[in-house]
Amino acid sequence: RFHPWDSLPFHVNGMIFSAQYEDGSELHRTYYSVGG
């Protein structure tokens, strides 16, 4: 999904990855591509 008009707090190049498992647990991480 693309959110061009929303920015995450730390840096404008932000992305959130999410994973779901059979037992209902989830894994989330927020990444920032800070240049170079």
Full PDB file with SEQRES, HELIX, SHEET, SSBOND, CRYST1, ORIGX, SCALE, CONECT and MASTER records, all heavy atoms in Angstrom:
SEQRES   1 A   36  ARG PHE HIS PRO TRP ASP SER LEU PRO PHE HIS VAL ASN          
SEQRES   2 A   36  GLY MET ILE PHE SER ALA GLN TYR GLU ASP GLY SER GLU          
SEQRES   3 A   36  LEU HIS ARG THR TYR TYR SER VAL GLY GLY                      
SHEET    1 AA1 2 GLY A  14  GLN A  20  0                                        
SHEET    2 AA1 2 GLU A  26  TYR A  32 -1                                        
CRYST1    1.000    1.000    1.000  90.00  90.00  90.00 P 1           1          
ORIGX1      1.000000  0.000000  0.000000        0.00000                         
ORIGX2      0.000000  1.000000  0.000000        0.00000                         
ORIGX3      0.000000  0.000000  1.000000        0.00000                         
SCALE1      1.000000  0.000000  0.000000        0.00000                         
SCALE2      0.000000  1.000000  0.000000        0.00000                         
SCALE3      0.000000  0.000000  1.000000        0.00000                         
ATOM      1  N   ARG A   1       0.825  -1.207   0.000  1.00  0.00           N  
ATOM      2  CA  ARG A   1       0.000   0.000   0.000  1.00  0.00           C  
ATOM      3  C   ARG A   1       0.867   1.268   0.000  1.00  0.00           C  
ATOM      4  O   ARG A   1       1.919   1.319   0.634  1.00  0.00           O  
ATOM      5  CB  ARG A   1      -0.918   0.000   1.221  1.00  0.00           C  
ATOM      6  CG  ARG A   1      -1.925  -1.171   1.197  1.00  0.00           C  
ATOM      7  CD  ARG A   1      -2.818  -1.141   2.404  1.00  0.00           C  
ATOM      8  NE  ARG A   1      -2.112  -1.549   3.617  1.00  0.00           N  
ATOM      9  CZ  ARG A   1      -2.103  -2.784   4.101  1.00  0.00           C  
ATOM     10  NH1 ARG A   1      -2.769  -3.756   3.479  1.00  0.00           N  
ATOM     11  NH2 ARG A   1      -1.465  -3.061   5.221  1.00  0.00           N  
ATOM     12  N   PHE A   2       0.374   2.297  -0.707  1.00  0.00           N  
ATOM     13  CA  PHE A   2       1.084   3.563  -0.839  1.00  0.00           C  
ATOM     14  C   PHE A   2       0.343   4.670  -0.095  1.00  0.00           C  
ATOM     15  O   PHE A   2      -0.874   4.825  -0.258  1.00  0.00           O  
ATOM     16  CB  PHE A   2       1.212   3.945  -2.316  1.00  0.00           C  
ATOM     17  CG  PHE A   2       2.060   3.001  -3.124  1.00  0.00           C  
ATOM     18  CD1 PHE A   2       1.555   1.781  -3.570  1.00  0.00           C  
ATOM     19  CD2 PHE A   2       3.374   3.325  -3.436  1.00  0.00           C  
ATOM     20  CE1 PHE A   2       2.333   0.913  -4.315  1.00  0.00           C  
ATOM     21  CE2 PHE A   2       4.169   2.470  -4.179  1.00  0.00           C  
ATOM     22  CZ  PHE A   2       3.658   1.261  -4.617  1.00  0.00           C  
ATOM     23  N   HIS A   3       1.103   5.459   0.692  1.00  0.00           N  
ATOM     24  CA  HIS A   3       0.521   6.560   1.457  1.00  0.00           C  
ATOM     25  C   HIS A   3       1.329   7.833   1.160  1.00  0.00           C  
ATOM     26  O   HIS A   3       2.113   8.315   2.001  1.00  0.00           O  
ATOM     27  CB  HIS A   3       0.562   6.257   2.951  1.00  0.00           C  
ATOM     28  CG  HIS A   3      -0.040   4.936   3.320  1.00  0.00           C  
ATOM     29  ND1 HIS A   3      -1.393   4.759   3.548  1.00  0.00           N  
ATOM     30  CD2 HIS A   3       0.527   3.704   3.483  1.00  0.00           C  
ATOM     31  CE1 HIS A   3      -1.628   3.496   3.853  1.00  0.00           C  
ATOM     32  NE2 HIS A   3      -0.475   2.832   3.815  1.00  0.00           N  
ATOM     33  N   PRO A   4       1.153   8.428  -0.028  1.00  0.00           N  
ATOM     34  CA  PRO A   4       2.009   9.551  -0.432  1.00  0.00           C  
ATOM     35  C   PRO A   4       1.813  10.820   0.379  1.00  0.00           C  
ATOM     36  O   PRO A   4       2.707  11.661   0.439  1.00  0.00           O  
ATOM     37  CB  PRO A   4       1.635   9.765  -1.898  1.00  0.00           C  
ATOM     38  CG  PRO A   4       0.248   9.213  -2.022  1.00  0.00           C  
ATOM     39  CD  PRO A   4       0.191   8.050  -1.090  1.00  0.00           C  
ATOM     40  N   TRP A   5       0.672  10.962   1.005  1.00  0.00           N  
ATOM     41  CA  TRP A   5       0.414  12.210   1.741  1.00  0.00           C  
ATOM     42  C   TRP A   5       0.641  12.072   3.237  1.00  0.00           C  
ATOM     43  O   TRP A   5       0.394  13.007   4.002  1.00  0.00           O  
ATOM     44  CB  TRP A   5      -1.013  12.688   1.467  1.00  0.00           C  
ATOM     45  CG  TRP A   5      -1.317  12.766   0.002  1.00  0.00           C  
ATOM     46  CD1 TRP A   5      -2.229  12.038  -0.697  1.00  0.00           C  
ATOM     47  CD2 TRP A   5      -0.667  13.601  -0.969  1.00  0.00           C  
ATOM     48  NE1 TRP A   5      -2.197  12.361  -2.028  1.00  0.00           N  
ATOM     49  CE2 TRP A   5      -1.251  13.317  -2.226  1.00  0.00           C  
ATOM     50  CE3 TRP A   5       0.353  14.563  -0.891  1.00  0.00           C  
ATOM     51  CZ2 TRP A   5      -0.851  13.965  -3.392  1.00  0.00           C  
ATOM     52  CZ3 TRP A   5       0.754  15.206  -2.063  1.00  0.00           C  
ATOM     53  CH2 TRP A   5       0.154  14.903  -3.283  1.00  0.00           C  
ATOM     54  N   ASP A   6       1.119  10.936   3.656  1.00  0.00           N  
ATOM     55  CA  ASP A   6       1.406  10.707   5.073  1.00  0.00           C  
ATOM     56  C   ASP A   6       2.889  10.411   5.248  1.00  0.00           C  
ATOM     57  O   ASP A   6       3.484   9.685   4.441  1.00  0.00           O  
ATOM     58  CB  ASP A   6       0.588   9.525   5.619  1.00  0.00           C  
ATOM     59  CG  ASP A   6      -0.912   9.767   5.518  1.00  0.00           C  
ATOM     60  OD1 ASP A   6      -1.335  10.898   5.771  1.00  0.00           O  
ATOM     61  OD2 ASP A   6      -1.636   8.816   5.167  1.00  0.00           O  
ATOM     62  N   SER A   7       3.458  10.953   6.307  1.00  0.00           N  
ATOM     63  CA  SER A   7       4.863  10.683   6.610  1.00  0.00           C  
ATOM     64  C   SER A   7       4.997  10.167   8.025  1.00  0.00           C  
ATOM     65  O   SER A   7       4.247  10.587   8.922  1.00  0.00           O  
ATOM     66  CB  SER A   7       5.720  11.955   6.441  1.00  0.00           C  
ATOM     67  OG  SER A   7       5.808  12.330   5.087  1.00  0.00           O  
ATOM     68  N   LEU A   8       5.928   9.258   8.235  1.00  0.00           N  
ATOM     69  CA  LEU A   8       6.211   8.745   9.569  1.00  0.00           C  
ATOM     70  C   LEU A   8       7.120   9.729  10.305  1.00  0.00           C  
ATOM     71  O   LEU A   8       7.796  10.562   9.687  1.00  0.00           O  
ATOM     72  CB  LEU A   8       6.848   7.363   9.462  1.00  0.00           C  
ATOM     73  CG  LEU A   8       5.981   6.305   8.769  1.00  0.00           C  
ATOM     74  CD1 LEU A   8       6.717   4.969   8.687  1.00  0.00           C  
ATOM     75  CD2 LEU A   8       4.647   6.134   9.481  1.00  0.00           C  
ATOM     76  N   PRO A   9       7.179   9.661  11.635  1.00  0.00           N  
ATOM     77  CA  PRO A   9       7.818  10.724  12.430  1.00  0.00           C  
ATOM     78  C   PRO A   9       9.302  10.942  12.172  1.00  0.00           C  
ATOM     79  O   PRO A   9       9.763  12.088  12.112  1.00  0.00           O  
ATOM     80  CB  PRO A   9       7.591  10.253  13.883  1.00  0.00           C  
ATOM     81  CG  PRO A   9       6.460   9.305  13.821  1.00  0.00           C  
ATOM     82  CD  PRO A   9       6.538   8.644  12.484  1.00  0.00           C  
ATOM     83  N   PHE A  10      10.082   9.895  12.005  1.00  0.00           N  
ATOM     84  CA  PHE A  10      11.536  10.035  12.012  1.00  0.00           C  
ATOM     85  C   PHE A  10      12.101  10.571  10.708  1.00  0.00           C  
ATOM     86  O   PHE A  10      13.051  11.353  10.694  1.00  0.00           O  
ATOM     87  CB  PHE A  10      12.180   8.684  12.344  1.00  0.00           C  
ATOM     88  CG  PHE A  10      13.677   8.710  12.382  1.00  0.00           C  
ATOM     89  CD1 PHE A  10      14.353   9.344  13.416  1.00  0.00           C  
ATOM     90  CD2 PHE A  10      14.424   8.099  11.383  1.00  0.00           C  
ATOM     91  CE1 PHE A  10      15.741   9.380  13.446  1.00  0.00           C  
ATOM     92  CE2 PHE A  10      15.807   8.125  11.405  1.00  0.00           C  
ATOM     93  CZ  PHE A  10      16.466   8.766  12.441  1.00  0.00           C  
ATOM     94  N   HIS A  11      11.524  10.138   9.575  1.00  0.00           N  
ATOM     95  CA  HIS A  11      12.097  10.493   8.268  1.00  0.00           C  
ATOM     96  C   HIS A  11      11.018  10.339   7.211  1.00  0.00           C  
ATOM     97  O   HIS A  11      10.117   9.505   7.345  1.00  0.00           O  
ATOM     98  CB  HIS A  11      13.289   9.578   7.961  1.00  0.00           C  
ATOM     99  CG  HIS A  11      14.155  10.026   6.823  1.00  0.00           C  
ATOM    100  ND1 HIS A  11      13.818   9.796   5.505  1.00  0.00           N  
ATOM    101  CD2 HIS A  11      15.337  10.684   6.798  1.00  0.00           C  
ATOM    102  CE1 HIS A  11      14.769  10.284   4.723  1.00  0.00           C  
ATOM    103  NE2 HIS A  11      15.708  10.831   5.480  1.00  0.00           N  
ATOM    104  N   VAL A  12      11.120  11.127   6.149  1.00  0.00           N  
ATOM    105  CA  VAL A  12      10.088  11.095   5.119  1.00  0.00           C  
ATOM    106  C   VAL A  12      10.091   9.794   4.328  1.00  0.00           C  
ATOM    107  O   VAL A  12       9.084   9.420   3.733  1.00  0.00           O  
ATOM    108  CB  VAL A  12      10.252  12.318   4.186  1.00  0.00           C  
ATOM    109  CG1 VAL A  12      11.506  12.184   3.348  1.00  0.00           C  
ATOM    110  CG2 VAL A  12       9.028  12.504   3.306  1.00  0.00           C  
ATOM    111  N   ASN A  13      11.223   9.084   4.297  1.00  0.00           N  
ATOM    112  CA  ASN A  13      11.294   7.793   3.588  1.00  0.00           C  
ATOM    113  C   ASN A  13      11.005   6.656   4.562  1.00  0.00           C  
ATOM    114  O   ASN A  13      11.902   5.947   4.998  1.00  0.00           O  
ATOM    115  CB  ASN A  13      12.680   7.601   2.953  1.00  0.00           C  
ATOM    116  CG  ASN A  13      12.902   8.500   1.754  1.00  0.00           C  
ATOM    117  OD1 ASN A  13      11.966   8.891   1.091  1.00  0.00           O  
ATOM    118  ND2 ASN A  13      14.157   8.835   1.488  1.00  0.00           N  
ATOM    119  N   GLY A  14       9.740   6.486   4.912  1.00  0.00           N  
ATOM    120  CA  GLY A  14       9.369   5.476   5.905  1.00  0.00           C  
ATOM    121  C   GLY A  14       8.577   4.325   5.316  1.00  0.00           C  
ATOM    122  O   GLY A  14       7.895   4.467   4.297  1.00  0.00           O  
ATOM    123  N   MET A  15       8.660   3.161   5.969  1.00  0.00           N  
ATOM    124  CA  MET A  15       7.895   1.984   5.546  1.00  0.00           C  
ATOM    125  C   MET A  15       7.647   1.084   6.741  1.00  0.00           C  
ATOM    126  O   MET A  15       8.496   0.975   7.633  1.00  0.00           O  
ATOM    127  CB  MET A  15       8.627   1.222   4.427  1.00  0.00           C  
ATOM    128  CG  MET A  15      10.077   0.927   4.707  1.00  0.00           C  
ATOM    129  SD  MET A  15      11.071   0.508   3.241  1.00  0.00           S  
ATOM    130  CE  MET A  15      12.571   1.425   3.617  1.00  0.00           C  
ATOM    131  N   ILE A  16       6.474   0.480   6.766  1.00  0.00           N  
ATOM    132  CA  ILE A  16       6.101  -0.429   7.850  1.00  0.00           C  
ATOM    133  C   ILE A  16       5.851  -1.812   7.264  1.00  0.00           C  
ATOM    134  O   ILE A  16       5.049  -1.969   6.332  1.00  0.00           O  
ATOM    135  CB  ILE A  16       4.855   0.064   8.599  1.00  0.00           C  
ATOM    136  CG1 ILE A  16       5.140   1.415   9.266  1.00  0.00           C  
ATOM    137  CG2 ILE A  16       4.421  -0.958   9.644  1.00  0.00           C  
ATOM    138  CD1 ILE A  16       3.929   2.005   9.977  1.00  0.00           C  
ATOM    139  N   PHE A  17       6.536  -2.809   7.804  1.00  0.00           N  
ATOM    140  CA  PHE A  17       6.345  -4.208   7.408  1.00  0.00           C  
ATOM    141  C   PHE A  17       5.570  -4.920   8.510  1.00  0.00           C  
ATOM    142  O   PHE A  17       5.857  -4.735   9.698  1.00  0.00           O  
ATOM    143  CB  PHE A  17       7.701  -4.904   7.217  1.00  0.00           C  
ATOM    144  CG  PHE A  17       8.463  -4.446   6.019  1.00  0.00           C  
ATOM    145  CD1 PHE A  17       9.156  -3.236   6.032  1.00  0.00           C  
ATOM    146  CD2 PHE A  17       8.521  -5.211   4.867  1.00  0.00           C  
ATOM    147  CE1 PHE A  17       9.885  -2.808   4.937  1.00  0.00           C  
ATOM    148  CE2 PHE A  17       9.247  -4.801   3.752  1.00  0.00           C  
ATOM    149  CZ  PHE A  17       9.926  -3.586   3.788  1.00  0.00           C  
ATOM    150  N   SER A  18       4.602  -5.739   8.121  1.00  0.00           N  
ATOM    151  CA  SER A  18       3.789  -6.480   9.087  1.00  0.00           C  
ATOM    152  C   SER A  18       3.655  -7.931   8.639  1.00  0.00           C  
ATOM    153  O   SER A  18       3.569  -8.220   7.440  1.00  0.00           O  
ATOM    154  CB  SER A  18       2.391  -5.861   9.213  1.00  0.00           C  
ATOM    155  OG  SER A  18       2.464  -4.483   9.541  1.00  0.00           O  
ATOM    156  N   ALA A  19       3.638  -8.828   9.616  1.00  0.00           N  
ATOM    157  CA  ALA A  19       3.444 -10.253   9.343  1.00  0.00           C  
ATOM    158  C   ALA A  19       2.470 -10.827  10.344  1.00  0.00           C  
ATOM    159  O   ALA A  19       2.451 -10.428  11.518  1.00  0.00           O  
ATOM    160  CB  ALA A  19       4.781 -10.993   9.421  1.00  0.00           C  
ATOM    161  N   GLN A  20       1.629 -11.750   9.869  1.00  0.00           N  
ATOM    162  CA  GLN A  20       0.676 -12.440  10.741  1.00  0.00           C  
ATOM    163  C   GLN A  20       0.980 -13.933  10.729  1.00  0.00           C  
ATOM    164  O   GLN A  20       1.391 -14.480   9.698  1.00  0.00           O  
ATOM    165  CB  GLN A  20      -0.772 -12.205  10.279  1.00  0.00           C  
ATOM    166  CG  GLN A  20      -1.246 -10.757  10.418  1.00  0.00           C  
ATOM    167  CD  GLN A  20      -0.785  -9.882   9.274  1.00  0.00           C  
ATOM    168  OE1 GLN A  20      -0.834 -10.309   8.114  1.00  0.00           O  
ATOM    169  NE2 GLN A  20      -0.341  -8.664   9.569  1.00  0.00           N  
ATOM    170  N   TYR A  21       0.740 -14.581  11.891  1.00  0.00           N  
ATOM    171  CA  TYR A  21       1.014 -16.004  12.047  1.00  0.00           C  
ATOM    172  C   TYR A  21      -0.277 -16.754  12.384  1.00  0.00           C  
ATOM    173  O   TYR A  21      -1.269 -16.155  12.810  1.00  0.00           O  
ATOM    174  CB  TYR A  21       2.069 -16.212  13.137  1.00  0.00           C  
ATOM    175  CG  TYR A  21       3.419 -15.626  12.782  1.00  0.00           C  
ATOM    176  CD1 TYR A  21       3.691 -14.277  12.997  1.00  0.00           C  
ATOM    177  CD2 TYR A  21       4.406 -16.411  12.202  1.00  0.00           C  
ATOM    178  CE1 TYR A  21       4.917 -13.724  12.662  1.00  0.00           C  
ATOM    179  CE2 TYR A  21       5.644 -15.868  11.865  1.00  0.00           C  
ATOM    180  CZ  TYR A  21       5.882 -14.525  12.084  1.00  0.00           C  
ATOM    181  OH  TYR A  21       7.092 -13.988  11.752  1.00  0.00           O  
ATOM    182  N   GLU A  22      -0.254 -18.067  12.195  1.00  0.00           N  
ATOM    183  CA  GLU A  22      -1.452 -18.886  12.398  1.00  0.00           C  
ATOM    184  C   GLU A  22      -1.993 -18.782  13.814  1.00  0.00           C  
ATOM    185  O   GLU A  22      -3.200 -18.863  14.047  1.00  0.00           O  
ATOM    186  CB  GLU A  22      -1.150 -20.351  12.071  1.00  0.00           C  
ATOM    187  CG  GLU A  22      -1.060 -20.643  10.572  1.00  0.00           C  
ATOM    188  CD  GLU A  22      -0.932 -22.135  10.304  1.00  0.00           C  
ATOM    189  OE1 GLU A  22      -0.792 -22.910  11.281  1.00  0.00           O  
ATOM    190  OE2 GLU A  22      -0.988 -22.532   9.128  1.00  0.00           O  
ATOM    191  N   ASP A  23      -1.117 -18.600  14.798  1.00  0.00           N  
ATOM    192  CA  ASP A  23      -1.569 -18.532  16.185  1.00  0.00           C  
ATOM    193  C   ASP A  23      -2.121 -17.161  16.568  1.00  0.00           C  
ATOM    194  O   ASP A  23      -2.439 -16.902  17.728  1.00  0.00           O  
ATOM    195  CB  ASP A  23      -0.427 -18.906  17.136  1.00  0.00           C  
ATOM    196  CG  ASP A  23       0.765 -17.952  17.028  1.00  0.00           C  
ATOM    197  OD1 ASP A  23       0.688 -16.969  16.252  1.00  0.00           O  
ATOM    198  OD2 ASP A  23       1.773 -18.197  17.725  1.00  0.00           O  
ATOM    199  N   GLY A  24      -2.224 -16.265  15.589  1.00  0.00           N  
ATOM    200  CA  GLY A  24      -2.764 -14.940  15.853  1.00  0.00           C  
ATOM    201  C   GLY A  24      -1.727 -13.897  16.233  1.00  0.00           C  
ATOM    202  O   GLY A  24      -2.054 -12.709  16.341  1.00  0.00           O  
ATOM    203  N   SER A  25      -0.495 -14.288  16.424  1.00  0.00           N  
ATOM    204  CA  SER A  25       0.559 -13.329  16.767  1.00  0.00           C  
ATOM    205  C   SER A  25       0.957 -12.525  15.538  1.00  0.00           C  
ATOM    206  O   SER A  25       0.712 -12.940  14.394  1.00  0.00           O  
ATOM    207  CB  SER A  25       1.771 -14.048  17.351  1.00  0.00           C  
ATOM    208  OG  SER A  25       2.336 -14.927  16.378  1.00  0.00           O  
ATOM    209  N   GLU A  26       1.577 -11.377  15.780  1.00  0.00           N  
ATOM    210  CA  GLU A  26       1.977 -10.500  14.700  1.00  0.00           C  
ATOM    211  C   GLU A  26       3.395  -9.996  14.928  1.00  0.00           C  
ATOM    212  O   GLU A  26       3.902  -9.991  16.054  1.00  0.00           O  
ATOM    213  CB  GLU A  26       1.017  -9.301  14.593  1.00  0.00           C  
ATOM    214  CG  GLU A  26      -0.416  -9.680  14.267  1.00  0.00           C  
ATOM    215  CD  GLU A  26      -1.315  -8.466  14.144  1.00  0.00           C  
ATOM    216  OE1 GLU A  26      -0.868  -7.348  14.542  1.00  0.00           O  
ATOM    217  OE2 GLU A  26      -2.449  -8.608  13.637  1.00  0.00           O  
ATOM    218  N   LEU A  27       4.019  -9.579  13.835  1.00  0.00           N  
ATOM    219  CA  LEU A  27       5.350  -8.992  13.880  1.00  0.00           C  
ATOM    220  C   LEU A  27       5.311  -7.705  13.073  1.00  0.00           C  
ATOM    221  O   LEU A  27       4.844  -7.701  11.932  1.00  0.00           O  
ATOM    222  CB  LEU A  27       6.394  -9.950  13.289  1.00  0.00           C  
ATOM    223  CG  LEU A  27       7.843  -9.447  13.213  1.00  0.00           C  
ATOM    224  CD1 LEU A  27       8.425  -9.292  14.617  1.00  0.00           C  
ATOM    225  CD2 LEU A  27       8.701 -10.396  12.381  1.00  0.00           C  
ATOM    226  N   HIS A  28       5.786  -6.606  13.668  1.00  0.00           N  
ATOM    227  CA  HIS A  28       5.780  -5.312  12.986  1.00  0.00           C  
ATOM    228  C   HIS A  28       7.163  -4.660  13.128  1.00  0.00           C  
ATOM    229  O   HIS A  28       7.771  -4.717  14.200  1.00  0.00           O  
ATOM    230  CB  HIS A  28       4.726  -4.372  13.586  1.00  0.00           C  
ATOM    231  CG  HIS A  28       3.340  -4.907  13.556  1.00  0.00           C  
ATOM    232  ND1 HIS A  28       2.535  -4.828  12.438  1.00  0.00           N  
ATOM    233  CD2 HIS A  28       2.614  -5.538  14.511  1.00  0.00           C  
ATOM    234  CE1 HIS A  28       1.358  -5.385  12.702  1.00  0.00           C  
ATOM    235  NE2 HIS A  28       1.382  -5.830  13.962  1.00  0.00           N  
ATOM    236  N   ARG A  29       7.623  -4.035  12.079  1.00  0.00           N  
ATOM    237  CA  ARG A  29       8.835  -3.243  12.138  1.00  0.00           C  
ATOM    238  C   ARG A  29       8.678  -2.019  11.228  1.00  0.00           C  
ATOM    239  O   ARG A  29       8.122  -2.109  10.130  1.00  0.00           O  
ATOM    240  CB  ARG A  29      10.060  -4.048  11.686  1.00  0.00           C  
ATOM    241  CG  ARG A  29      10.540  -5.089  12.669  1.00  0.00           C  
ATOM    242  CD  ARG A  29      11.082  -4.490  13.950  1.00  0.00           C  
ATOM    243  NE  ARG A  29      11.649  -5.498  14.831  1.00  0.00           N  
ATOM    244  CZ  ARG A  29      10.938  -6.211  15.714  1.00  0.00           C  
ATOM    245  NH1 ARG A  29       9.619  -6.033  15.809  1.00  0.00           N  
ATOM    246  NH2 ARG A  29      11.541  -7.104  16.481  1.00  0.00           N  
ATOM    247  N   THR A  30       9.192  -0.905  11.708  1.00  0.00           N  
ATOM    248  CA  THR A  30       9.195   0.333  10.931  1.00  0.00           C  
ATOM    249  C   THR A  30      10.616   0.618  10.486  1.00  0.00           C  
ATOM    250  O   THR A  30      11.545   0.622  11.303  1.00  0.00           O  
ATOM    251  CB  THR A  30       8.664   1.512  11.772  1.00  0.00           C  
ATOM    252  OG1 THR A  30       7.326   1.236  12.189  1.00  0.00           O  
ATOM    253  CG2 THR A  30       8.676   2.796  10.959  1.00  0.00           C  
ATOM    254  N   TYR A  31      10.792   0.834   9.201  1.00  0.00           N  
ATOM    255  CA  TYR A  31      12.111   1.107   8.636  1.00  0.00           C  
ATOM    256  C   TYR A  31      12.126   2.492   8.000  1.00  0.00           C  
ATOM    257  O   TYR A  31      11.109   2.989   7.501  1.00  0.00           O  
ATOM    258  CB  TYR A  31      12.463   0.072   7.561  1.00  0.00           C  
ATOM    259  CG  TYR A  31      12.646  -1.335   8.059  1.00  0.00           C  
ATOM    260  CD1 TYR A  31      11.555  -2.186   8.209  1.00  0.00           C  
ATOM    261  CD2 TYR A  31      13.910  -1.827   8.370  1.00  0.00           C  
ATOM    262  CE1 TYR A  31      11.716  -3.492   8.664  1.00  0.00           C  
ATOM    263  CE2 TYR A  31      14.090  -3.132   8.814  1.00  0.00           C  
ATOM    264  CZ  TYR A  31      12.982  -3.953   8.967  1.00  0.00           C  
ATOM    265  OH  TYR A  31      13.148  -5.250   9.413  1.00  0.00           O  
ATOM    266  N   TYR A  32      13.305   3.090   8.004  1.00  0.00           N  
ATOM    267  CA  TYR A  32      13.504   4.372   7.331  1.00  0.00           C  
ATOM    268  C   TYR A  32      14.729   4.266   6.422  1.00  0.00           C  
ATOM    269  O   TYR A  32      15.804   3.842   6.864  1.00  0.00           O  
ATOM    270  CB  TYR A  32      13.720   5.495   8.346  1.00  0.00           C  
ATOM    271  CG  TYR A  32      12.533   5.754   9.241  1.00  0.00           C  
ATOM    272  CD1 TYR A  32      12.466   5.187  10.506  1.00  0.00           C  
ATOM    273  CD2 TYR A  32      11.491   6.578   8.821  1.00  0.00           C  
ATOM    274  CE1 TYR A  32      11.378   5.425  11.336  1.00  0.00           C  
ATOM    275  CE2 TYR A  32      10.410   6.822   9.652  1.00  0.00           C  
ATOM    276  CZ  TYR A  32      10.355   6.242  10.902  1.00  0.00           C  
ATOM    277  OH  TYR A  32       9.274   6.487  11.725  1.00  0.00           O  
ATOM    278  N   SER A  33      14.549   4.640   5.166  1.00  0.00           N  
ATOM    279  CA  SER A  33      15.652   4.669   4.215  1.00  0.00           C  
ATOM    280  C   SER A  33      16.207   6.093   4.218  1.00  0.00           C  
ATOM    281  O   SER A  33      15.600   7.007   3.654  1.00  0.00           O  
ATOM    282  CB  SER A  33      15.155   4.277   2.820  1.00  0.00           C  
ATOM    283  OG  SER A  33      16.210   4.255   1.897  1.00  0.00           O  
ATOM    284  N   VAL A  34      17.354   6.280   4.873  1.00  0.00           N  
ATOM    285  CA  VAL A  34      17.816   7.630   5.199  1.00  0.00           C  
ATOM    286  C   VAL A  34      18.788   8.213   4.177  1.00  0.00           C  
ATOM    287  O   VAL A  34      19.362   9.275   4.413  1.00  0.00           O  
ATOM    288  CB  VAL A  34      18.455   7.655   6.606  1.00  0.00           C  
ATOM    289  CG1 VAL A  34      17.421   7.312   7.660  1.00  0.00           C  
ATOM    290  CG2 VAL A  34      19.641   6.686   6.699  1.00  0.00           C  
ATOM    291  N   GLY A  35      18.966   7.544   3.044  1.00  0.00           N  
ATOM    292  CA  GLY A  35      19.813   8.075   1.988  1.00  0.00           C  
ATOM    293  C   GLY A  35      21.052   7.237   1.755  1.00  0.00           C  
ATOM    294  O   GLY A  35      21.634   6.687   2.685  1.00  0.00           O  
ATOM    295  N   GLY A  36      21.440   7.123   0.489  1.00  0.00           N  
ATOM    296  CA  GLY A  36      22.640   6.377   0.148  1.00  0.00           C  
ATOM    297  C   GLY A  36      22.519   4.886   0.354  1.00  0.00           C  
ATOM    298  O   GLY A  36      23.531   4.178   0.370  1.00  0.00           O  
TER     299      GLY A  36                                                      
MASTER        0    0    0    0    2    0    0    6  298    1    0    3          
END                                                                             
